[in-house]
Amino acid sequence: MSASTTERAAPALSVRDLRVHLATDSGEVTAVQGVSFDVRAGETLALVGESGAGKSMTALAVMRLAGKGARGEGARLEGEVWLEGPEGPVEVLGLPLDRLRAIRGRAMSMVFQEPMTSLNPVFRVGWQIAESLVVHENLPWPAAEKRALELLALVGIPDPAARSRAFPHELSGGMRQRVMIAIALACRPRLLIADEPTTALDVTVQAQVLQLVRSLQREMGMGVLFITHDLGVVAQVADRVAVMYAGRIVEEAGVHELFASPRHPYTAGLLRSMPNAAGAEPGAMVKPIPGSMPNLRRLPTGCAYHPRCPEAVEVTCAAALPPLEAAGTSRFVRCVRWADIAGKAA
């Protein structure tokens, strides 16, 4: 279990030993392997890693959307997901479907990478925001429509009355993403999950959306689980960072601590692969991590990263899976050599 909980704030979300087993044509594969973390009220935890690391699958499992449908068909979930709901903590994985639907959109909401796959193309955007308020807040329709306009203004959409009558395809990508954020925040959730919400946006709009999320988070005091592969975005939005590799968390630390002194070789490799990485010489070339993410059906023995790791000692690193252990007061690392790596950096 990650010891990321502190006494500063109660967690909006607590995930314990989460495992996601997916049914495939060639048998069951475990996409998330014993992940634990907390997201406290008012903080942002960034979940980072390469494509295939298990980040989005973790987020979908928290929402009980992993698998082929909203019921989770095709996925078998294990572990515990505790959410601070309107009436106290609830364990999400064990909820019946009717209660689960009641807290989705109200206690926890999710913003996806591509809003055109989430917004209904045949309904006007104002109607879609108002519908969420009618369903979850029991507002009468006129009050919900009024609140929808207020939310459109809150997320920075000009002329909300006119834009509310638009269909999704009539809006720009940035505006569609703002509409998705308005829907997600309509019921003032305690937890917002943002899965690569700015990947498809240009740099200027991306900065605006990130600023919007930070501003609304401060106003509402909600916890944010931010899924991304972009460490530049992480540096802007995160309070803490959990690095995933092959379905497991391999390092967790405060954002400044992690960027300044990574302890896991995979984290260090991700940082070296960033353009203008901290500490890099001006004009230095980006250094990609050699190799690729392993096949989850055939994971290497021991540490899954060791075949790509420049710090690996074959006999030690291939022998057994290292535990996620404390490497300081607020840092956790899954590496048998983290102390040696720390000594080199000192």
Protein backbone atom coordinates (compact mmCIF):
# COMPACT_ATOMS: atom_id res chain seq x y z
CA MET A 1 0.00 0.00 0.00
CA SER A 2 1.28 3.43 -0.93
CA ALA A 3 1.80 5.60 2.09
CA SER A 4 0.95 8.78 0.26
CA THR A 5 -1.76 9.74 2.76
CA THR A 6 -0.80 12.54 5.12
CA GLU A 7 -2.64 14.36 7.85
CA ARG A 8 -2.99 17.52 5.75
CA ALA A 9 -6.29 16.53 4.14
CA ALA A 10 -8.60 13.56 3.98
CA PRO A 11 -8.32 11.65 0.71
CA ALA A 12 -11.02 12.23 -1.88
CA LEU A 13 -9.94 8.91 -3.39
CA SER A 14 -8.10 5.92 -1.91
CA VAL A 15 -7.07 3.07 -4.21
CA ARG A 16 -5.76 -0.10 -2.61
CA ASP A 17 -4.15 -3.04 -4.44
CA LEU A 18 -6.17 -2.42 -7.60
CA ARG A 19 -5.91 -5.15 -10.23
CA VAL A 20 -7.60 -5.13 -13.62
CA HIS A 21 -7.83 -8.45 -15.46
CA LEU A 22 -8.99 -8.16 -19.07
CA ALA A 23 -10.52 -10.99 -21.07
CA THR A 24 -8.90 -11.26 -24.50
CA ASP A 25 -9.12 -13.74 -27.37
CA SER A 26 -5.85 -15.29 -26.19
CA GLY A 27 -6.79 -15.44 -22.51
CA GLU A 28 -6.87 -13.15 -19.52
CA VAL A 29 -4.24 -10.43 -19.17
CA THR A 30 -3.59 -8.30 -16.09
CA ALA A 31 -3.31 -4.69 -17.21
CA VAL A 32 -3.09 -3.14 -13.73
CA GLN A 33 -1.14 -5.08 -11.12
CA GLY A 34 -1.65 -4.10 -7.49
CA VAL A 35 -1.77 -0.30 -7.75
CA SER A 36 -2.32 1.80 -4.59
CA PHE A 37 -2.45 5.56 -4.18
CA ASP A 38 -4.43 8.41 -2.59
CA VAL A 39 -5.71 11.67 -4.04
CA ARG A 40 -6.37 14.22 -1.32
CA ALA A 41 -8.99 16.94 -1.51
CA GLY A 42 -7.55 20.00 -3.24
CA GLU A 43 -4.46 18.29 -4.71
CA THR A 44 -3.52 16.94 -8.12
CA LEU A 45 -1.88 13.54 -8.48
CA ALA A 46 -0.41 12.98 -11.94
CA LEU A 47 -0.26 9.40 -13.18
CA VAL A 48 2.46 9.21 -15.83
CA GLY A 49 4.22 6.68 -18.04
CA GLU A 50 4.52 5.49 -21.63
CA SER A 51 1.56 4.27 -23.66
CA GLY A 52 0.56 0.85 -22.36
CA ALA A 53 1.77 1.49 -18.81
CA GLY A 54 -1.77 1.12 -17.41
CA LYS A 55 -2.60 4.77 -16.66
CA SER A 56 -5.91 5.04 -18.50
CA MET A 57 -6.96 1.55 -17.46
CA THR A 58 -6.44 2.56 -13.84
CA ALA A 59 -8.65 5.63 -14.35
CA LEU A 60 -11.35 3.61 -16.10
CA ALA A 61 -11.28 1.04 -13.30
CA VAL A 62 -11.78 3.77 -10.69
CA MET A 63 -14.87 4.88 -12.63
CA ARG A 64 -15.92 1.22 -13.14
CA LEU A 65 -15.71 1.75 -16.90
CA ALA A 66 -12.93 -0.76 -17.58
CA GLY A 67 -13.86 -3.43 -20.09
CA LYS A 68 -16.27 -3.43 -23.02
CA GLY A 69 -19.10 -1.46 -21.47
CA ALA A 70 -20.31 0.64 -18.56
CA ARG A 71 -21.00 -2.52 -16.54
CA GLY A 72 -17.36 -3.55 -16.89
CA GLU A 73 -18.04 -6.58 -19.09
CA GLY A 74 -14.78 -8.13 -20.18
CA ALA A 75 -12.92 -6.85 -17.10
CA ARG A 76 -12.46 -8.44 -13.70
CA LEU A 77 -11.58 -5.93 -10.99
CA GLU A 78 -9.93 -6.71 -7.65
CA GLY A 79 -8.88 -4.52 -4.76
CA GLU A 80 -10.61 -1.53 -3.21
CA VAL A 81 -11.50 1.94 -4.52
CA TRP A 82 -12.77 4.24 -1.75
CA LEU A 83 -14.42 7.49 -2.80
CA GLU A 84 -15.49 10.29 -0.47
CA GLY A 85 -19.15 10.52 -1.48
CA PRO A 86 -21.92 12.93 -0.45
CA GLU A 87 -22.81 10.73 2.51
CA GLY A 88 -19.33 9.54 3.46
CA PRO A 89 -16.80 7.05 2.00
CA VAL A 90 -18.12 4.42 -0.41
CA GLU A 91 -16.30 1.43 -1.90
CA VAL A 92 -16.82 1.83 -5.65
CA LEU A 93 -15.96 -1.68 -6.87
CA GLY A 94 -18.66 -3.26 -4.73
CA LEU A 95 -21.47 -0.80 -5.52
CA PRO A 96 -24.59 -2.03 -7.32
CA LEU A 97 -25.10 -0.39 -10.70
CA ASP A 98 -27.91 1.95 -9.64
CA ARG A 99 -25.81 3.44 -6.81
CA LEU A 100 -22.77 3.62 -9.07
CA ARG A 101 -24.71 5.68 -11.61
CA ALA A 102 -25.82 8.00 -8.84
CA ILE A 103 -22.24 8.92 -7.84
CA ARG A 104 -20.79 9.13 -11.37
CA GLY A 105 -21.05 12.75 -12.38
CA ARG A 106 -21.91 13.79 -8.84
CA ALA A 107 -19.14 12.59 -6.51
CA MET A 108 -16.65 11.76 -9.30
CA SER A 109 -16.44 12.87 -12.91
CA MET A 110 -14.12 12.18 -15.82
CA VAL A 111 -12.87 14.29 -18.73
CA PHE A 112 -11.67 12.19 -21.66
CA GLN A 113 -9.00 12.93 -24.24
CA GLU A 114 -11.36 13.33 -27.21
CA PRO A 115 -14.63 15.15 -26.42
CA MET A 116 -16.24 14.18 -29.74
CA THR A 117 -16.39 10.58 -28.50
CA SER A 118 -18.03 11.69 -25.24
CA LEU A 119 -20.44 14.44 -26.31
CA ASN A 120 -23.67 13.33 -27.98
CA PRO A 121 -23.56 14.68 -31.56
CA VAL A 122 -27.37 15.04 -31.86
CA PHE A 123 -27.99 17.19 -28.77
CA ARG A 124 -27.05 20.81 -28.23
CA VAL A 125 -24.26 21.32 -25.70
CA GLY A 126 -26.38 23.38 -23.32
CA TRP A 127 -28.93 20.56 -23.19
CA GLN A 128 -26.19 18.06 -22.35
CA ILE A 129 -24.95 20.15 -19.41
CA ALA A 130 -28.48 20.74 -18.15
CA GLU A 131 -29.31 17.04 -18.37
CA SER A 132 -26.51 16.23 -15.89
CA LEU A 133 -27.97 18.73 -13.41
CA VAL A 134 -31.49 17.35 -13.78
CA VAL A 135 -30.33 13.75 -13.30
CA HIS A 136 -27.90 14.25 -10.41
CA GLU A 137 -29.13 17.42 -8.69
CA ASN A 138 -32.87 17.04 -9.34
CA LEU A 139 -33.04 20.62 -10.64
CA PRO A 140 -36.14 21.65 -12.57
CA TRP A 141 -35.33 22.11 -16.25
CA PRO A 142 -35.44 25.96 -16.29
CA ALA A 143 -33.03 26.13 -13.34
CA ALA A 144 -30.75 23.55 -14.98
CA GLU A 145 -30.66 25.56 -18.23
CA LYS A 146 -29.76 28.71 -16.29
CA ARG A 147 -27.01 26.90 -14.44
CA ALA A 148 -25.72 25.45 -17.74
CA LEU A 149 -25.19 29.00 -19.03
CA GLU A 150 -23.35 29.91 -15.82
CA LEU A 151 -21.09 26.88 -16.24
CA LEU A 152 -20.31 27.76 -19.85
CA ALA A 153 -19.30 31.23 -18.68
CA LEU A 154 -17.27 29.71 -15.83
CA VAL A 155 -15.18 27.64 -18.22
CA GLY A 156 -14.47 30.68 -20.38
CA ILE A 157 -16.77 30.16 -23.36
CA PRO A 158 -17.77 33.53 -24.87
CA ASP A 159 -21.45 34.30 -25.47
CA PRO A 160 -22.74 31.31 -23.47
CA ALA A 161 -26.35 31.78 -24.56
CA ALA A 162 -25.43 31.40 -28.23
CA ARG A 163 -22.89 28.61 -27.68
CA SER A 164 -25.33 26.61 -25.57
CA ARG A 165 -27.51 26.19 -28.67
CA ALA A 166 -24.61 24.81 -30.73
CA PHE A 167 -24.07 21.16 -31.57
CA PRO A 168 -20.65 19.68 -30.70
CA HIS A 169 -19.44 19.67 -34.31
CA GLU A 170 -20.05 23.42 -34.50
CA LEU A 171 -17.48 24.14 -31.80
CA SER A 172 -13.68 24.13 -31.92
CA GLY A 173 -11.69 21.40 -30.19
CA GLY A 174 -10.82 23.73 -27.33
CA MET A 175 -14.43 24.76 -26.81
CA ARG A 176 -15.62 21.15 -26.91
CA GLN A 177 -13.11 20.27 -24.21
CA ARG A 178 -14.37 23.21 -22.13
CA VAL A 179 -17.91 21.90 -22.53
CA MET A 180 -16.73 18.51 -21.26
CA ILE A 181 -15.14 20.19 -18.26
CA ALA A 182 -18.39 22.10 -17.63
CA ILE A 183 -20.34 18.81 -17.65
CA ALA A 184 -17.78 17.14 -15.39
CA LEU A 185 -17.88 20.00 -12.87
CA ALA A 186 -21.62 20.68 -13.04
CA CYS A 187 -22.33 18.85 -9.76
CA ARG A 188 -19.15 20.03 -8.00
CA PRO A 189 -17.58 16.54 -7.70
CA ARG A 190 -15.10 15.67 -4.99
CA LEU A 191 -12.89 13.94 -7.57
CA LEU A 192 -12.12 14.87 -11.16
CA ILE A 193 -10.30 12.36 -13.38
CA ALA A 194 -8.70 13.98 -16.42
CA ASP A 195 -7.39 11.47 -18.97
CA GLU A 196 -5.01 13.21 -21.40
CA PRO A 197 -7.46 16.15 -21.62
CA THR A 198 -5.14 18.44 -23.60
CA THR A 199 -3.36 16.04 -25.98
CA ALA A 200 -5.42 16.97 -29.05
CA LEU A 201 -5.23 20.74 -28.41
CA ASP A 202 -2.75 23.28 -29.70
CA VAL A 203 -0.27 24.76 -27.24
CA THR A 204 -2.17 27.99 -26.58
CA VAL A 205 -5.51 26.25 -25.95
CA GLN A 206 -3.74 23.58 -23.88
CA ALA A 207 -2.35 26.25 -21.55
CA GLN A 208 -5.81 27.82 -21.22
CA VAL A 209 -7.45 24.49 -20.36
CA LEU A 210 -4.77 23.63 -17.78
CA GLN A 211 -5.16 27.06 -16.17
CA LEU A 212 -8.91 26.56 -16.12
CA VAL A 213 -8.64 23.19 -14.36
CA ARG A 214 -6.26 24.63 -11.74
CA SER A 215 -8.49 27.63 -11.13
CA LEU A 216 -11.66 25.56 -10.74
CA GLN A 217 -9.85 23.09 -8.51
CA ARG A 218 -8.83 25.88 -6.13
CA GLU A 219 -12.39 27.22 -6.11
CA MET A 220 -14.05 23.84 -5.50
CA GLY A 221 -11.39 22.11 -3.40
CA MET A 222 -11.67 18.89 -5.40
CA GLY A 223 -9.04 16.23 -5.86
CA VAL A 224 -7.74 15.72 -9.40
CA LEU A 225 -6.28 12.52 -10.87
CA PHE A 226 -4.47 13.72 -13.99
CA ILE A 227 -3.41 11.05 -16.49
CA THR A 228 -0.76 12.08 -19.01
CA HIS A 229 2.44 11.03 -20.76
CA ASP A 230 3.56 14.68 -21.04
CA LEU A 231 5.96 15.58 -18.24
CA GLY A 232 5.83 19.23 -19.29
CA VAL A 233 2.13 19.22 -18.39
CA VAL A 234 2.92 17.40 -15.13
CA ALA A 235 5.30 20.18 -14.12
CA GLN A 236 2.48 22.71 -14.57
CA VAL A 237 -0.41 20.96 -12.84
CA ALA A 238 0.75 18.30 -10.36
CA ASP A 239 1.39 18.34 -6.63
CA ARG A 240 2.51 14.71 -6.60
CA VAL A 241 3.45 12.22 -9.31
CA ALA A 242 3.02 8.45 -9.55
CA VAL A 243 5.06 6.83 -12.33
CA MET A 244 3.64 3.64 -13.87
CA TYR A 245 5.43 0.93 -15.80
CA ALA A 246 3.91 -2.35 -17.04
CA GLY A 247 0.84 -1.99 -14.84
CA ARG A 248 2.65 -1.09 -11.61
CA ILE A 249 3.64 2.10 -9.83
CA VAL A 250 7.45 2.27 -9.77
CA GLU A 251 7.92 5.66 -8.10
CA GLU A 252 5.77 8.18 -6.25
CA ALA A 253 6.96 11.56 -4.97
CA GLY A 254 6.20 15.24 -4.79
CA VAL A 255 6.52 16.86 -8.19
CA HIS A 256 9.51 19.08 -7.31
CA GLU A 257 11.33 16.24 -5.56
CA LEU A 258 10.74 13.84 -8.43
CA PHE A 259 11.92 16.25 -11.13
CA ALA A 260 14.98 17.31 -9.13
CA SER A 261 16.16 13.84 -8.10
CA PRO A 262 14.45 10.81 -9.65
CA ARG A 263 15.25 7.57 -7.84
CA HIS A 264 13.88 4.98 -10.27
CA PRO A 265 15.87 4.53 -13.51
CA TYR A 266 12.61 4.58 -15.51
CA THR A 267 11.66 7.97 -14.06
CA ALA A 268 15.13 9.27 -14.87
CA GLY A 269 14.77 7.94 -18.43
CA LEU A 270 11.42 9.69 -18.88
CA LEU A 271 12.93 12.97 -17.71
CA ARG A 272 15.94 12.61 -20.04
CA SER A 273 13.54 12.04 -22.94
CA MET A 274 11.91 15.43 -22.36
CA PRO A 275 12.91 18.33 -24.61
CA ASN A 276 14.68 20.94 -22.45
CA ALA A 277 14.86 18.52 -19.54
CA ALA A 278 16.00 20.01 -16.25
CA GLY A 279 19.75 20.01 -16.00
CA ALA A 280 20.27 19.39 -19.72
CA GLU A 281 22.89 21.37 -21.59
CA PRO A 282 21.46 24.01 -23.94
CA GLY A 283 20.84 22.36 -27.31
CA ALA A 284 21.37 18.87 -25.89
CA MET A 285 19.72 16.03 -27.79
CA VAL A 286 16.70 14.27 -26.38
CA LYS A 287 17.67 10.79 -25.10
CA PRO A 288 14.85 8.31 -25.70
CA ILE A 289 14.59 5.19 -23.57
CA PRO A 290 15.80 2.22 -25.64
CA GLY A 291 13.42 -0.66 -26.22
CA SER A 292 9.68 -0.70 -25.61
CA MET A 293 7.07 -1.60 -23.00
CA PRO A 294 6.97 -5.39 -22.44
CA ASN A 295 4.06 -7.57 -23.47
CA LEU A 296 1.84 -7.91 -20.38
CA ARG A 297 1.29 -11.59 -21.19
CA ARG A 298 5.03 -12.25 -21.04
CA LEU A 299 6.49 -9.91 -18.44
CA PRO A 300 10.18 -10.33 -17.62
CA THR A 301 11.00 -11.99 -14.32
CA GLY A 302 11.83 -9.70 -11.43
CA CYS A 303 11.65 -6.00 -12.22
CA ALA A 304 9.77 -5.59 -15.51
CA TYR A 305 12.03 -2.66 -16.48
CA HIS A 306 15.34 -4.45 -16.07
CA PRO A 307 15.82 -5.45 -19.77
CA ARG A 308 15.80 -1.71 -20.67
CA CYS A 309 17.49 -0.40 -17.52
CA PRO A 310 21.03 1.07 -17.66
CA GLU A 311 21.39 0.49 -13.90
CA ALA A 312 20.29 -3.16 -13.92
CA VAL A 313 22.34 -5.89 -12.28
CA GLU A 314 21.08 -8.97 -14.08
CA VAL A 315 21.22 -11.49 -11.24
CA THR A 316 19.66 -9.13 -8.70
CA CYS A 317 17.11 -7.29 -10.83
CA ALA A 318 15.80 -10.38 -12.63
CA ALA A 319 15.52 -12.47 -9.46
CA ALA A 320 12.36 -11.09 -7.82
CA LEU A 321 9.85 -8.27 -8.12
CA PRO A 322 11.02 -5.47 -5.81
CA PRO A 323 8.47 -4.01 -3.38
CA LEU A 324 7.33 -0.39 -3.43
CA GLU A 325 9.30 0.87 -0.44
CA ALA A 326 9.83 4.17 1.32
CA ALA A 327 12.82 6.13 0.04
CA GLY A 328 12.31 9.17 2.26
CA THR A 329 9.45 10.82 4.10
CA SER A 330 7.18 11.19 1.08
CA ARG A 331 8.80 9.14 -1.69
CA PHE A 332 8.26 5.49 -2.65
CA VAL A 333 10.35 3.53 -5.14
CA ARG A 334 10.13 0.02 -6.63
CA CYS A 335 13.84 -0.62 -7.28
CA VAL A 336 16.45 -2.65 -5.43
CA ARG A 337 19.14 -0.15 -6.48
CA TRP A 338 17.44 3.13 -5.55
CA ALA A 339 19.89 3.80 -2.67
CA ASP A 340 22.89 3.31 -5.01
CA ILE A 341 21.25 5.65 -7.54
CA ALA A 342 20.65 8.24 -4.82
CA GLY A 343 24.29 7.95 -3.77
CA LYS A 344 25.48 8.63 -7.32
CA ALA A 345 23.29 11.74 -7.52
CA ALA A 346 24.53 13.12 -4.20
